[in-house]
N, C-alpha and C. Protein backbone atom coordinates (compact mmCIF):
# COMPACT_ATOMS: atom_id res chain seq x y z
N TYR A 1 219.34 102.05 176.43
CA TYR A 1 219.61 100.80 175.69
C TYR A 1 220.05 101.08 174.41
N LEU A 2 219.86 102.33 173.83
CA LEU A 2 220.26 102.74 172.45
C LEU A 2 221.79 102.94 172.50
N LEU A 3 222.34 103.29 173.57
CA LEU A 3 223.91 103.53 173.65
C LEU A 3 224.65 102.25 173.79
N LEU A 4 223.91 101.07 174.29
CA LEU A 4 224.55 99.79 174.41
C LEU A 4 225.60 99.43 173.51
N PRO A 5 225.19 99.54 172.08
CA PRO A 5 226.02 99.13 171.07
C PRO A 5 227.56 100.02 171.02
N PHE A 6 227.32 101.29 171.39
CA PHE A 6 228.40 102.03 171.34
C PHE A 6 229.40 101.67 172.60
N ALA A 7 228.68 101.36 173.76
CA ALA A 7 229.60 100.78 174.89
C ALA A 7 230.23 99.50 174.74
N VAL A 8 229.65 98.77 173.96
CA VAL A 8 230.04 97.47 173.33
C VAL A 8 231.30 97.59 172.60
N ILE A 9 231.28 98.57 171.60
CA ILE A 9 232.56 98.86 170.84
C ILE A 9 233.65 99.28 171.68
N ILE A 10 233.51 100.09 172.62
CA ILE A 10 234.47 100.54 173.65
C ILE A 10 234.97 99.29 174.32
N ALA A 11 234.17 98.60 174.74
CA ALA A 11 234.55 97.38 175.70
C ALA A 11 235.22 96.24 174.90
N ALA A 12 234.82 96.22 173.56
CA ALA A 12 235.46 95.20 172.67
C ALA A 12 237.00 95.62 172.58
N ILE A 13 237.30 96.70 172.69
CA ILE A 13 238.72 97.06 172.50
C ILE A 13 239.56 96.44 173.59
N GLY A 14 239.07 96.77 174.95
CA GLY A 14 239.78 96.36 176.07
C GLY A 14 239.59 94.86 176.30
N VAL A 15 238.56 94.22 175.94
CA VAL A 15 238.33 92.87 175.98
C VAL A 15 239.28 92.00 175.03
N SER A 16 239.41 92.55 173.94
CA SER A 16 240.17 91.79 172.84
C SER A 16 241.71 91.77 173.25
N GLY A 17 242.03 92.88 173.67
CA GLY A 17 243.63 93.00 174.09
C GLY A 17 243.81 92.29 175.33
N GLY A 18 242.84 92.48 176.45
CA GLY A 18 243.22 91.90 177.65
C GLY A 18 243.09 90.36 177.47
N ALA A 19 242.22 89.85 176.75
CA ALA A 19 241.89 88.33 176.59
C ALA A 19 243.23 87.72 175.87
N TYR A 20 243.74 88.56 174.93
CA TYR A 20 245.02 87.97 174.26
C TYR A 20 246.04 88.00 175.27
N VAL A 21 246.32 88.90 176.12
CA VAL A 21 247.38 89.09 177.20
C VAL A 21 247.12 88.17 178.05
N ILE A 22 246.12 87.67 178.57
CA ILE A 22 245.69 86.67 179.50
C ILE A 22 246.11 85.27 178.87
N ARG A 23 245.58 85.11 177.55
CA ARG A 23 245.88 83.80 176.88
C ARG A 23 247.45 83.62 176.88
N ASN A 24 248.23 84.64 176.61
CA ASN A 24 249.59 84.59 176.63
C ASN A 24 250.43 84.20 177.73
N MET A 25 249.74 84.67 178.89
CA MET A 25 250.18 84.44 180.35
C MET A 25 249.91 82.94 180.68
N VAL A 26 248.73 82.55 180.33
CA VAL A 26 248.47 81.13 180.54
C VAL A 26 249.40 80.40 179.77
N TRP A 27 249.79 80.63 178.58
CA TRP A 27 250.67 79.73 177.73
C TRP A 27 252.00 79.96 178.27
N THR A 28 252.26 80.75 179.13
CA THR A 28 253.50 81.02 179.75
C THR A 28 254.61 81.46 178.76
N GLU A 29 254.14 82.14 177.77
CA GLU A 29 254.91 82.88 176.85
C GLU A 29 255.58 84.05 177.29
N GLY A 30 256.86 84.49 176.85
CA GLY A 30 257.30 85.94 177.33
C GLY A 30 256.29 86.79 176.67
N ILE A 31 255.92 87.79 177.68
CA ILE A 31 254.99 88.76 177.06
C ILE A 31 255.50 90.05 177.40
N PHE A 32 255.08 90.94 176.49
CA PHE A 32 255.27 92.56 176.92
C PHE A 32 253.88 93.05 176.94
N VAL A 33 253.30 93.49 178.01
CA VAL A 33 251.79 93.59 178.03
C VAL A 33 251.27 94.70 177.12
N ALA A 34 252.15 95.80 177.02
CA ALA A 34 251.50 96.79 176.08
C ALA A 34 251.55 96.33 174.68
N ASN A 35 252.55 95.69 174.07
CA ASN A 35 252.66 95.17 172.89
C ASN A 35 251.67 94.16 172.52
N ASP A 36 251.63 93.31 173.40
CA ASP A 36 250.65 92.24 173.17
C ASP A 36 249.15 92.76 173.37
N PHE A 37 248.82 93.75 174.10
CA PHE A 37 247.52 94.20 174.20
C PHE A 37 247.14 94.81 172.81
N TRP A 38 248.00 95.62 172.25
CA TRP A 38 247.72 96.15 170.83
C TRP A 38 247.63 95.13 169.84
N ARG A 39 248.53 94.04 169.90
CA ARG A 39 248.30 92.96 168.96
C ARG A 39 247.05 92.09 169.11
N GLY A 40 246.70 92.12 170.32
CA GLY A 40 245.44 91.36 170.56
C GLY A 40 244.24 92.07 169.94
N ILE A 41 244.24 93.53 170.21
CA ILE A 41 243.24 94.34 169.51
C ILE A 41 243.22 94.02 168.06
N LYS A 42 244.37 94.19 167.35
CA LYS A 42 244.48 93.97 166.01
C LYS A 42 243.97 92.65 165.47
N GLN A 43 244.19 91.69 166.12
CA GLN A 43 243.88 90.24 165.74
C GLN A 43 242.33 89.83 166.16
N ASN A 44 241.95 90.51 167.27
CA ASN A 44 240.61 89.81 167.75
C ASN A 44 239.52 90.73 167.95
N PHE A 45 239.65 92.13 167.48
CA PHE A 45 238.66 93.06 167.74
C PHE A 45 237.30 92.72 166.98
N LYS A 46 237.38 92.30 165.71
CA LYS A 46 236.25 91.94 165.01
C LYS A 46 235.33 91.00 165.52
N SER A 47 236.12 89.74 166.00
CA SER A 47 235.32 88.79 166.60
C SER A 47 234.59 89.08 167.93
N ILE A 48 235.54 89.77 168.73
CA ILE A 48 235.01 90.20 170.02
C ILE A 48 233.91 91.14 169.99
N LEU A 49 234.07 91.99 168.94
CA LEU A 49 232.84 93.08 168.69
C LEU A 49 231.67 92.20 168.31
N MET A 50 231.67 91.35 167.48
CA MET A 50 230.56 90.52 167.13
C MET A 50 229.96 89.79 168.28
N ILE A 51 230.83 89.10 169.23
CA ILE A 51 230.26 88.38 170.36
C ILE A 51 229.52 89.55 171.26
N GLY A 52 230.05 90.63 171.31
CA GLY A 52 229.59 91.78 172.28
C GLY A 52 228.22 92.25 171.64
N LEU A 53 228.19 92.53 170.46
CA LEU A 53 227.01 93.10 169.83
C LEU A 53 225.82 91.92 169.97
N THR A 54 226.14 90.62 169.62
CA THR A 54 225.02 89.67 169.76
C THR A 54 224.70 89.64 171.20
N PHE A 55 225.72 89.70 172.15
CA PHE A 55 225.29 89.57 173.56
C PHE A 55 224.37 90.78 173.90
N SER A 56 224.56 91.97 173.41
CA SER A 56 223.78 93.06 173.71
C SER A 56 222.47 93.10 173.16
N LEU A 57 222.37 92.33 171.96
CA LEU A 57 221.13 92.06 171.48
C LEU A 57 220.30 91.13 172.25
N VAL A 58 220.94 90.16 172.72
CA VAL A 58 220.23 89.10 173.58
C VAL A 58 219.81 89.77 174.70
N PHE A 59 220.68 90.50 175.40
CA PHE A 59 220.55 91.28 176.67
C PHE A 59 219.21 92.11 176.45
N TYR A 60 219.13 92.93 175.40
CA TYR A 60 218.04 93.86 175.10
C TYR A 60 216.81 93.05 174.91
N ILE A 61 216.77 92.04 174.22
CA ILE A 61 215.54 91.27 173.96
C ILE A 61 215.02 90.57 175.35
N SER A 62 215.92 90.04 176.26
CA SER A 62 215.68 89.57 177.46
C SER A 62 215.01 90.64 178.46
N ILE A 63 215.60 91.76 178.46
CA ILE A 63 215.16 92.86 179.29
C ILE A 63 213.69 93.42 178.77
N VAL A 64 213.49 93.55 177.63
CA VAL A 64 212.29 93.96 176.99
C VAL A 64 211.10 93.16 177.30
N SER A 65 211.58 91.60 177.22
CA SER A 65 210.48 90.56 177.35
C SER A 65 210.10 90.58 178.68
N VAL A 66 211.08 90.73 179.86
CA VAL A 66 210.85 90.68 180.98
C VAL A 66 209.97 92.04 181.43
N SER A 67 210.31 93.02 180.90
CA SER A 67 209.56 94.24 181.09
C SER A 67 208.16 94.31 180.69
N LEU A 68 207.81 93.66 179.39
CA LEU A 68 206.47 93.33 178.86
C LEU A 68 205.75 92.36 179.72
N ALA A 69 206.42 91.41 180.21
CA ALA A 69 205.81 90.41 181.17
C ALA A 69 205.36 91.19 182.45
N ASN A 70 206.28 92.03 182.93
CA ASN A 70 205.87 92.69 184.26
C ASN A 70 204.67 93.63 183.99
N GLN A 71 204.59 94.24 182.84
CA GLN A 71 203.46 95.11 182.49
C GLN A 71 202.31 94.22 182.45
N MET A 72 202.35 93.21 181.83
CA MET A 72 201.07 92.49 181.77
C MET A 72 200.58 91.96 182.87
N ILE A 73 201.51 91.44 183.71
CA ILE A 73 201.07 91.04 185.23
C ILE A 73 200.43 92.11 185.88
N ALA A 74 201.08 93.42 185.83
CA ALA A 74 200.52 94.63 186.63
C ALA A 74 199.20 95.05 185.90
N VAL A 75 198.95 94.97 184.85
CA VAL A 75 197.57 95.08 184.04
C VAL A 75 196.52 94.10 184.60
N GLY A 76 196.87 92.97 184.94
CA GLY A 76 196.02 92.07 185.58
C GLY A 76 195.38 90.93 184.56
N ASN A 77 196.16 90.60 183.64
CA ASN A 77 195.60 89.47 182.70
C ASN A 77 195.51 88.37 183.49
N SER A 78 194.51 87.46 182.97
CA SER A 78 194.14 86.32 183.70
C SER A 78 195.25 85.07 183.66
N ALA A 79 196.11 85.14 182.82
CA ALA A 79 197.12 84.06 182.77
C ALA A 79 198.56 84.57 183.22
N LYS A 80 198.47 84.81 184.32
CA LYS A 80 199.75 85.44 185.09
C LYS A 80 200.92 84.48 185.04
N TRP A 81 200.54 83.10 185.07
CA TRP A 81 201.57 81.93 185.25
C TRP A 81 202.31 82.01 183.96
N LEU A 82 201.67 82.39 182.80
CA LEU A 82 202.27 82.37 181.40
C LEU A 82 203.40 83.48 181.47
N PHE A 83 203.02 84.67 181.98
CA PHE A 83 204.08 85.70 182.02
C PHE A 83 205.12 85.44 182.96
N VAL A 84 204.79 84.74 184.14
CA VAL A 84 206.10 84.42 184.93
C VAL A 84 206.94 83.37 184.29
N LEU A 85 206.34 82.46 183.52
CA LEU A 85 207.13 81.49 182.79
C LEU A 85 207.89 82.26 181.75
N SER A 86 207.30 83.22 181.05
CA SER A 86 208.10 83.95 180.21
C SER A 86 209.40 84.81 180.83
N LYS A 87 209.11 85.22 182.00
CA LYS A 87 210.19 85.88 182.77
C LYS A 87 211.38 84.86 183.01
N ILE A 88 210.94 83.72 183.44
CA ILE A 88 211.87 82.63 183.76
C ILE A 88 212.73 82.27 182.50
N MET A 89 211.97 82.04 181.41
CA MET A 89 212.66 81.69 180.24
C MET A 89 213.59 82.78 179.76
N SER A 90 213.14 84.02 179.92
CA SER A 90 214.05 85.26 179.43
C SER A 90 215.36 85.29 180.26
N TYR A 91 215.18 85.30 181.45
CA TYR A 91 216.58 85.35 182.43
C TYR A 91 217.23 84.00 182.16
N SER A 92 216.61 82.82 181.94
CA SER A 92 217.50 81.61 181.63
C SER A 92 218.23 81.79 180.26
N LEU A 93 217.62 82.49 179.20
CA LEU A 93 218.28 82.71 178.07
C LEU A 93 219.56 83.71 178.29
N LEU A 94 219.23 84.79 179.02
CA LEU A 94 220.34 85.50 179.35
C LEU A 94 221.38 85.01 180.01
N ILE A 95 221.21 84.15 181.05
CA ILE A 95 222.33 83.42 181.79
C ILE A 95 222.97 82.61 180.99
N MET A 96 222.26 81.75 180.14
CA MET A 96 222.91 80.79 179.24
C MET A 96 223.86 81.56 178.26
N TYR A 97 223.29 82.54 177.60
CA TYR A 97 224.10 83.35 176.54
C TYR A 97 225.43 84.08 177.14
N SER A 98 225.15 84.35 178.53
CA SER A 98 226.27 85.08 179.23
C SER A 98 227.47 84.02 179.36
N MET A 99 227.04 82.81 179.77
CA MET A 99 228.11 81.73 179.91
C MET A 99 228.53 81.42 178.53
N MET A 100 227.88 81.44 177.43
CA MET A 100 228.44 81.09 176.16
C MET A 100 229.32 82.09 175.64
N SER A 101 228.87 83.42 176.03
CA SER A 101 229.85 84.58 175.57
C SER A 101 231.30 84.38 176.15
N MET A 102 231.32 83.95 177.37
CA MET A 102 232.61 83.73 178.06
C MET A 102 233.42 82.83 177.21
N HIS A 103 232.73 81.54 176.88
CA HIS A 103 233.48 80.61 175.98
C HIS A 103 233.83 81.22 174.73
N MET A 104 232.97 81.96 174.14
CA MET A 104 233.02 82.55 172.68
C MET A 104 234.36 83.33 172.77
N ILE A 105 234.60 84.08 173.87
CA ILE A 105 235.60 85.13 173.85
C ILE A 105 237.05 84.19 173.94
N THR A 106 237.17 83.23 174.85
CA THR A 106 238.26 82.52 174.81
C THR A 106 238.52 81.60 173.50
N MET A 107 237.49 81.30 172.98
CA MET A 107 237.86 80.47 171.67
C MET A 107 238.29 81.44 170.68
N SER A 108 237.60 82.54 170.56
CA SER A 108 237.92 83.51 169.37
C SER A 108 239.38 84.06 169.60
N VAL A 109 239.92 84.16 170.85
CA VAL A 109 241.37 84.78 170.91
C VAL A 109 242.24 83.40 170.61
N THR A 110 241.74 82.20 171.01
CA THR A 110 242.78 81.13 170.78
C THR A 110 242.78 80.59 169.30
N TYR A 111 241.43 80.52 168.79
CA TYR A 111 241.29 79.90 167.36
C TYR A 111 240.74 80.86 166.53
N ASP A 112 240.96 80.62 165.19
CA ASP A 112 240.19 81.48 164.17
C ASP A 112 239.11 80.77 163.59
N LEU A 113 238.03 80.89 164.23
CA LEU A 113 236.62 80.15 164.06
C LEU A 113 235.61 81.28 163.38
N LYS A 114 234.83 80.63 162.57
CA LYS A 114 233.67 81.58 162.00
C LYS A 114 232.75 81.49 163.26
N PHE A 115 231.72 82.74 163.06
CA PHE A 115 230.90 83.04 164.16
C PHE A 115 229.87 81.84 164.42
N ARG A 116 229.55 81.24 163.27
CA ARG A 116 228.50 80.23 163.66
C ARG A 116 229.18 78.88 164.38
N HIS A 117 230.45 78.82 164.11
CA HIS A 117 231.22 77.57 164.86
C HIS A 117 231.34 78.04 166.26
N LEU A 118 231.77 79.41 166.43
CA LEU A 118 231.86 79.84 167.89
C LEU A 118 230.63 79.74 168.66
N LEU A 119 229.39 79.92 167.93
CA LEU A 119 228.10 79.67 168.65
C LEU A 119 227.92 78.22 169.08
N LYS A 120 228.04 77.38 167.95
CA LYS A 120 227.86 76.06 168.30
C LYS A 120 228.85 75.44 169.23
N ASN A 121 230.10 75.77 169.14
CA ASN A 121 231.06 75.18 170.03
C ASN A 121 230.92 75.66 171.61
N SER A 122 230.60 77.11 171.70
CA SER A 122 230.32 77.53 172.90
C SER A 122 228.97 76.89 173.67
N PHE A 123 228.01 76.70 172.78
CA PHE A 123 226.95 76.07 173.26
C PHE A 123 227.24 74.75 173.93
N LEU A 124 227.93 73.85 173.08
CA LEU A 124 228.31 72.58 173.42
C LEU A 124 229.29 72.70 174.79
N PHE A 125 230.07 73.55 174.92
CA PHE A 125 231.15 73.66 175.94
C PHE A 125 230.22 73.94 177.17
N THR A 126 229.27 75.08 177.17
CA THR A 126 228.35 75.50 178.24
C THR A 126 227.49 74.27 178.67
N ILE A 127 226.95 73.57 177.89
CA ILE A 127 226.15 72.48 178.27
C ILE A 127 226.90 71.35 178.76
N GLY A 128 227.95 71.01 178.12
CA GLY A 128 228.76 69.90 178.56
C GLY A 128 229.61 70.17 179.93
N THR A 129 229.83 71.45 180.13
CA THR A 129 230.72 71.54 181.28
C THR A 129 230.13 72.60 182.15
N LEU A 130 228.65 72.43 182.29
CA LEU A 130 227.88 73.30 183.06
C LEU A 130 228.38 73.53 184.44
N PRO A 131 228.47 72.37 185.32
CA PRO A 131 229.01 72.62 186.70
C PRO A 131 230.20 73.39 186.72
N GLN A 132 231.30 73.20 185.83
CA GLN A 132 232.47 73.72 185.88
C GLN A 132 232.42 75.29 185.39
N THR A 133 231.46 75.42 184.56
CA THR A 133 231.18 76.84 184.06
C THR A 133 230.59 77.74 185.16
N VAL A 134 229.53 77.10 185.85
CA VAL A 134 229.05 77.95 186.87
C VAL A 134 230.09 78.15 188.09
N PHE A 135 230.71 77.33 188.41
CA PHE A 135 231.73 77.17 189.58
C PHE A 135 232.68 78.35 189.18
N PHE A 136 233.43 78.30 187.90
CA PHE A 136 234.46 79.23 187.52
C PHE A 136 233.88 80.64 187.43
N LEU A 137 232.70 80.71 187.00
CA LEU A 137 231.97 82.07 186.75
C LEU A 137 231.83 82.68 188.14
N PHE A 138 231.39 81.83 189.18
CA PHE A 138 231.24 82.20 190.45
C PHE A 138 232.67 82.55 191.08
N LEU A 139 233.61 81.98 190.89
CA LEU A 139 234.93 82.32 191.26
C LEU A 139 235.43 83.62 190.67
N GLY A 140 235.22 83.81 189.50
CA GLY A 140 235.44 85.15 188.80
C GLY A 140 234.76 86.17 189.33
N THR A 141 233.54 86.08 189.80
CA THR A 141 232.80 87.18 190.44
C THR A 141 232.93 87.38 191.91
N ILE A 142 233.79 86.65 192.52
CA ILE A 142 233.92 86.62 194.04
C ILE A 142 234.32 88.28 194.46
N PRO A 143 235.39 88.79 193.70
CA PRO A 143 235.93 90.05 194.08
C PRO A 143 234.73 91.00 194.12
N PHE A 144 234.00 90.99 192.95
CA PHE A 144 232.71 92.02 192.77
C PHE A 144 231.77 91.70 193.86
N LEU A 145 231.53 90.46 194.24
CA LEU A 145 230.49 90.17 195.18
C LEU A 145 230.96 90.58 196.57
N LEU A 146 232.25 90.62 196.85
CA LEU A 146 232.69 91.13 198.18
C LEU A 146 232.51 92.70 198.36
N LEU A 147 232.36 93.26 197.21
CA LEU A 147 232.14 94.80 197.26
C LEU A 147 230.82 95.10 197.98
N PHE A 148 229.88 94.06 198.14
CA PHE A 148 228.65 94.37 198.51
C PHE A 148 228.41 93.89 199.93
N LEU A 149 229.56 93.56 200.59
CA LEU A 149 229.49 92.81 202.16
C LEU A 149 230.05 93.58 202.92
N GLY A 150 229.62 94.57 203.49
CA GLY A 150 230.13 95.38 204.66
C GLY A 150 231.46 95.95 204.43
N THR A 151 232.06 96.74 205.34
CA THR A 151 233.13 97.55 205.16
C THR A 151 234.41 96.67 204.97
N PHE A 152 234.65 95.69 205.90
CA PHE A 152 235.77 94.83 205.94
C PHE A 152 235.93 94.11 204.61
N PHE A 153 234.93 93.32 204.05
CA PHE A 153 234.83 92.60 202.93
C PHE A 153 235.02 93.52 201.86
N MET A 154 234.32 94.78 201.82
CA MET A 154 234.46 95.76 200.72
C MET A 154 235.87 96.07 200.38
N GLY A 155 236.78 96.33 201.61
CA GLY A 155 238.14 96.72 201.24
C GLY A 155 238.80 95.57 200.71
N ILE A 156 238.65 94.25 201.16
CA ILE A 156 239.12 93.13 200.41
C ILE A 156 238.92 93.02 199.12
N GLY A 157 237.38 93.15 198.75
CA GLY A 157 236.99 93.20 197.36
C GLY A 157 237.65 94.17 196.58
N LEU A 158 237.79 95.47 197.06
CA LEU A 158 238.38 96.67 196.33
C LEU A 158 239.93 96.24 195.92
N ILE A 159 240.58 95.69 196.84
CA ILE A 159 241.91 95.42 196.68
C ILE A 159 242.08 94.37 195.65
N LEU A 160 241.27 93.24 195.57
CA LEU A 160 241.17 92.38 194.69
C LEU A 160 240.76 92.72 193.30
N VAL A 161 239.78 93.77 193.29
CA VAL A 161 239.41 94.25 191.96
C VAL A 161 240.51 95.09 191.28
N LEU A 162 241.24 95.88 192.26
CA LEU A 162 242.24 96.66 191.68
C LEU A 162 243.46 95.86 191.32
N LEU A 163 243.75 94.75 191.98
CA LEU A 163 244.81 93.91 191.52
C LEU A 163 244.49 93.18 190.30
N PHE A 164 243.32 92.42 190.22
CA PHE A 164 242.99 91.54 189.04
C PHE A 164 241.98 92.09 188.13
N GLY A 165 241.25 93.00 188.51
CA GLY A 165 240.14 93.54 187.63
C GLY A 165 239.31 92.41 187.01
N LEU A 166 239.19 92.42 185.74
CA LEU A 166 238.33 91.47 185.06
C LEU A 166 239.11 90.22 184.55
N SER A 167 240.45 90.20 184.99
CA SER A 167 241.36 89.10 184.42
C SER A 167 240.90 87.72 185.05
N LEU A 168 240.38 87.73 186.24
CA LEU A 168 239.72 86.32 186.55
C LEU A 168 238.65 85.89 185.76
N LEU A 169 237.62 86.86 185.26
CA LEU A 169 236.61 86.34 184.27
C LEU A 169 237.16 86.01 182.99
N LEU A 170 238.18 86.60 182.53
CA LEU A 170 238.74 86.34 181.19
C LEU A 170 239.50 85.03 181.38
N LEU A 171 240.10 84.86 182.53
CA LEU A 171 240.71 83.46 182.72
C LEU A 171 240.05 82.23 182.72
């Protein structure tokens, strides 16, 4: 987990450029992929990096919390239900912030907002459009889910991942 911030720095480069290219494709603007990718890195790297670093912090805190709860359950404390509740809350926080991060990425590429406004607006979007957010998040992960279902579906999933990559999640 100590290397997670370094991985986030590398991922922020690709996500900032890729999200900018996807945004321009959705707006049906004429795009030149390589040029727009580098322009997206220049314009959005700082905000995407901030989003990624806070996500890695929330991820780390959630994983540590779940690990501590598992340890306390294994030791045999009397209040096991409290630690199970702690695990449920930690996973819920991680899922909620994951959905918020997807909204923050799209908002930071489209609008020039401060980080606290990104947090507030992404929270409102996530709560306000929860069914749609879960549905489209599921649609974006279908190619990756197909990779785990037998050889025929694995081939279809591999083709979809090679064709679209993470663009469905960014979309």
